[in-house]
Amino acid sequence: MAANRDRQIFWIKTAHSVVFWFMLVCFFYNIYAAAAGVFTWLLAVTYGTHLIEGVVLIFNRWTCPLRIMAEKAGAKNGQVSDIFLPRWLADHLFQVGMALFVVETLWLAISFINR
């Protein structure tokens, strides 16, 4: 039973990590687009993923649905939040992510206005 729970938590953490890395790639593309003045459908997709993530978090009271799934599977509170990242970064991911989102949004807006 514990092995099944651990395996389920592992896969949730893996999915959470994949989502994190995908969102990070989206962020870097958005920064590239802002710096290069590239406004294409790909930017709409990558920026849109950040907006969707924000809406999902707002509707889940700033808790990731994958964390909720992991806790229902038996993970201790916060255990899934490390998502195979350094503990400090995992604990402050929303604050860091929000700051990066504001920076990318402002940079994109300025780049769009100045093109």
C-alpha atoms as a PDB file:
ATOM      1  CA  MET A   1       0.000   0.000   0.000  1.00  0.00           C
ATOM      2  CA  ALA A   2       2.749   2.466   0.922  1.00  0.00           C
ATOM      3  CA  ALA A   3       4.691   1.589  -2.232  1.00  0.00           C
ATOM      4  CA  ASN A   4       1.634   2.346  -4.369  1.00  0.00           C
ATOM      5  CA  ARG A   5       1.141   5.669  -2.562  1.00  0.00           C
ATOM      6  CA  ASP A   6       4.805   6.575  -2.994  1.00  0.00           C
ATOM      7  CA  ARG A   7       4.661   5.680  -6.683  1.00  0.00           C
ATOM      8  CA  GLN A   8       1.536   7.817  -7.151  1.00  0.00           C
ATOM      9  CA  ILE A   9       3.160  10.749  -5.356  1.00  0.00           C
ATOM     10  CA  PHE A  10       6.307  10.304  -7.450  1.00  0.00           C
ATOM     11  CA  TRP A  11       4.303  10.534 -10.687  1.00  0.00           C
ATOM     12  CA  ILE A  12       2.392  13.588  -9.473  1.00  0.00           C
ATOM     13  CA  LYS A  13       5.694  15.253  -8.560  1.00  0.00           C
ATOM     14  CA  THR A  14       7.084  14.292 -11.946  1.00  0.00           C
ATOM     15  CA  ALA A  15       4.078  15.815 -13.719  1.00  0.00           C
ATOM     16  CA  HIS A  16       4.425  18.898 -11.524  1.00  0.00           C
ATOM     17  CA  SER A  17       8.102  19.171 -12.477  1.00  0.00           C
ATOM     18  CA  VAL A  18       7.306  18.840 -16.190  1.00  0.00           C
ATOM     19  CA  VAL A  19       4.705  21.599 -15.913  1.00  0.00           C
ATOM     20  CA  PHE A  20       7.213  23.775 -14.048  1.00  0.00           C
ATOM     21  CA  TRP A  21       9.907  23.326 -16.718  1.00  0.00           C
ATOM     22  CA  PHE A  22       7.386  23.961 -19.507  1.00  0.00           C
ATOM     23  CA  MET A  23       6.295  27.178 -17.812  1.00  0.00           C
ATOM     24  CA  LEU A  24       9.933  28.207 -17.416  1.00  0.00           C
ATOM     25  CA  VAL A  25      10.545  27.640 -21.139  1.00  0.00           C
ATOM     26  CA  CYS A  26       7.452  29.763 -21.846  1.00  0.00           C
ATOM     27  CA  PHE A  27       8.867  32.497 -19.640  1.00  0.00           C
ATOM     28  CA  PHE A  28      12.197  32.497 -21.482  1.00  0.00           C
ATOM     29  CA  TYR A  29      10.430  32.607 -24.829  1.00  0.00           C
ATOM     30  CA  ASN A  30       8.338  35.548 -23.627  1.00  0.00           C
ATOM     31  CA  ILE A  31      11.483  37.399 -22.567  1.00  0.00           C
ATOM     32  CA  TYR A  32      13.070  36.624 -25.953  1.00  0.00           C
ATOM     33  CA  ALA A  33       9.934  37.894 -27.722  1.00  0.00           C
ATOM     34  CA  ALA A  34       9.979  41.105 -25.689  1.00  0.00           C
ATOM     35  CA  ALA A  35      13.695  41.685 -26.367  1.00  0.00           C
ATOM     36  CA  ALA A  36      13.437  40.876 -30.080  1.00  0.00           C
ATOM     37  CA  GLY A  37      10.032  42.464 -30.670  1.00  0.00           C
ATOM     38  CA  VAL A  38       8.591  39.190 -31.937  1.00  0.00           C
ATOM     39  CA  PHE A  39       4.812  39.042 -31.642  1.00  0.00           C
ATOM     40  CA  THR A  40       3.536  35.774 -33.121  1.00  0.00           C
ATOM     41  CA  TRP A  41       1.037  33.035 -32.359  1.00  0.00           C
ATOM     42  CA  LEU A  42       3.737  31.266 -30.321  1.00  0.00           C
ATOM     43  CA  LEU A  43       3.942  34.247 -27.988  1.00  0.00           C
ATOM     44  CA  ALA A  44       0.164  34.154 -27.624  1.00  0.00           C
ATOM     45  CA  VAL A  45       0.407  30.481 -26.617  1.00  0.00           C
ATOM     46  CA  THR A  46       3.312  30.904 -24.196  1.00  0.00           C
ATOM     47  CA  TYR A  47       1.916  34.039 -22.584  1.00  0.00           C
ATOM     48  CA  GLY A  48      -1.535  32.486 -22.509  1.00  0.00           C
ATOM     49  CA  THR A  49      -0.206  29.532 -20.528  1.00  0.00           C
ATOM     50  CA  HIS A  50       0.875  31.951 -17.807  1.00  0.00           C
ATOM     51  CA  LEU A  51      -2.537  33.588 -17.778  1.00  0.00           C
ATOM     52  CA  ILE A  52      -4.262  30.191 -17.566  1.00  0.00           C
ATOM     53  CA  GLU A  53      -1.951  29.143 -14.751  1.00  0.00           C
ATOM     54  CA  GLY A  54      -2.829  32.319 -12.877  1.00  0.00           C
ATOM     55  CA  VAL A  55      -6.564  31.729 -13.289  1.00  0.00           C
ATOM     56  CA  VAL A  56      -6.213  28.116 -12.109  1.00  0.00           C
ATOM     57  CA  LEU A  57      -4.272  29.249  -9.046  1.00  0.00           C
ATOM     58  CA  ILE A  58      -6.772  31.985  -8.230  1.00  0.00           C
ATOM     59  CA  PHE A  59      -9.692  29.541  -8.418  1.00  0.00           C
ATOM     60  CA  ASN A  60      -7.779  27.084  -6.202  1.00  0.00           C
ATOM     61  CA  ARG A  61      -6.964  29.717  -3.562  1.00  0.00           C
ATOM     62  CA  TRP A  62      -3.305  29.923  -4.640  1.00  0.00           C
ATOM     63  CA  THR A  63      -2.775  26.192  -4.286  1.00  0.00           C
ATOM     64  CA  CYS A  64      -1.675  24.126  -7.254  1.00  0.00           C
ATOM     65  CA  PRO A  65      -4.170  21.376  -8.149  1.00  0.00           C
ATOM     66  CA  LEU A  66      -1.271  18.918  -8.442  1.00  0.00           C
ATOM     67  CA  ARG A  67      -0.324  19.629  -4.849  1.00  0.00           C
ATOM     68  CA  ILE A  68      -3.917  18.941  -3.806  1.00  0.00           C
ATOM     69  CA  MET A  69      -3.799  15.650  -5.720  1.00  0.00           C
ATOM     70  CA  ALA A  70      -0.530  14.670  -4.038  1.00  0.00           C
ATOM     71  CA  GLU A  71      -1.896  15.437  -0.586  1.00  0.00           C
ATOM     72  CA  LYS A  72      -5.015  13.366  -1.328  1.00  0.00           C
ATOM     73  CA  ALA A  73      -2.687  10.559  -2.380  1.00  0.00           C
ATOM     74  CA  GLY A  74      -1.063  10.722   1.047  1.00  0.00           C
ATOM     75  CA  ALA A  75       1.796  13.194   0.670  1.00  0.00           C
ATOM     76  CA  LYS A  76       2.521  15.259   3.746  1.00  0.00           C
ATOM     77  CA  ASN A  77       1.540  18.915   3.515  1.00  0.00           C
ATOM     78  CA  GLY A  78       4.096  20.629   1.327  1.00  0.00           C
ATOM     79  CA  GLN A  79       5.869  17.436   0.308  1.00  0.00           C
ATOM     80  CA  VAL A  80       4.927  17.843  -3.343  1.00  0.00           C
ATOM     81  CA  SER A  81       5.971  21.478  -3.372  1.00  0.00           C
ATOM     82  CA  ASP A  82       9.618  20.573  -3.845  1.00  0.00           C
ATOM     83  CA  ILE A  83       8.835  19.284  -7.369  1.00  0.00           C
ATOM     84  CA  PHE A  84      12.446  18.164  -7.597  1.00  0.00           C
ATOM     85  CA  LEU A  85      13.690  21.736  -7.063  1.00  0.00           C
ATOM     86  CA  PRO A  86      15.818  23.280  -4.329  1.00  0.00           C
ATOM     87  CA  ARG A  87      13.645  23.750  -1.240  1.00  0.00           C
ATOM     88  CA  TRP A  88      14.048  27.548  -1.090  1.00  0.00           C
ATOM     89  CA  LEU A  89      12.900  27.971  -4.692  1.00  0.00           C
ATOM     90  CA  ALA A  90      10.000  25.567  -4.237  1.00  0.00           C
ATOM     91  CA  ASP A  91       8.850  27.386  -1.099  1.00  0.00           C
ATOM     92  CA  HIS A  92       8.925  30.776  -2.861  1.00  0.00           C
ATOM     93  CA  LEU A  93       7.857  29.704  -6.336  1.00  0.00           C
ATOM     94  CA  PHE A  94       4.648  31.744  -6.437  1.00  0.00           C
ATOM     95  CA  GLN A  95       6.399  34.925  -5.307  1.00  0.00           C
ATOM     96  CA  VAL A  96       9.260  34.448  -7.783  1.00  0.00           C
ATOM     97  CA  GLY A  97       6.845  33.448 -10.540  1.00  0.00           C
ATOM     98  CA  MET A  98       4.608  36.463  -9.954  1.00  0.00           C
ATOM     99  CA  ALA A  99       7.577  38.830 -10.050  1.00  0.00           C
ATOM    100  CA  LEU A 100       8.783  37.248 -13.304  1.00  0.00           C
ATOM    101  CA  PHE A 101       5.281  37.471 -14.783  1.00  0.00           C
ATOM    102  CA  VAL A 102       5.115  41.194 -13.982  1.00  0.00           C
ATOM    103  CA  VAL A 103       8.566  41.757 -15.532  1.00  0.00           C
ATOM    104  CA  GLU A 104       7.707  39.847 -18.703  1.00  0.00           C
ATOM    105  CA  THR A 105       4.342  41.613 -19.018  1.00  0.00           C
ATOM    106  CA  LEU A 106       5.858  45.067 -18.651  1.00  0.00           C
ATOM    107  CA  TRP A 107       8.699  44.264 -21.042  1.00  0.00           C
ATOM    108  CA  LEU A 108       6.272  42.851 -23.621  1.00  0.00           C
ATOM    109  CA  ALA A 109       4.023  45.902 -23.313  1.00  0.00           C
ATOM    110  CA  ILE A 110       6.931  48.327 -23.719  1.00  0.00           C
ATOM    111  CA  SER A 111       8.300  46.348 -26.653  1.00  0.00           C
ATOM    112  CA  PHE A 112       4.891  46.251 -28.313  1.00  0.00           C
ATOM    113  CA  ILE A 113       4.361  50.001 -27.895  1.00  0.00           C
ATOM    114  CA  ASN A 114       7.822  50.809 -29.239  1.00  0.00           C
ATOM    115  CA  ARG A 115       7.715  48.619 -32.332  1.00  0.00           C
END
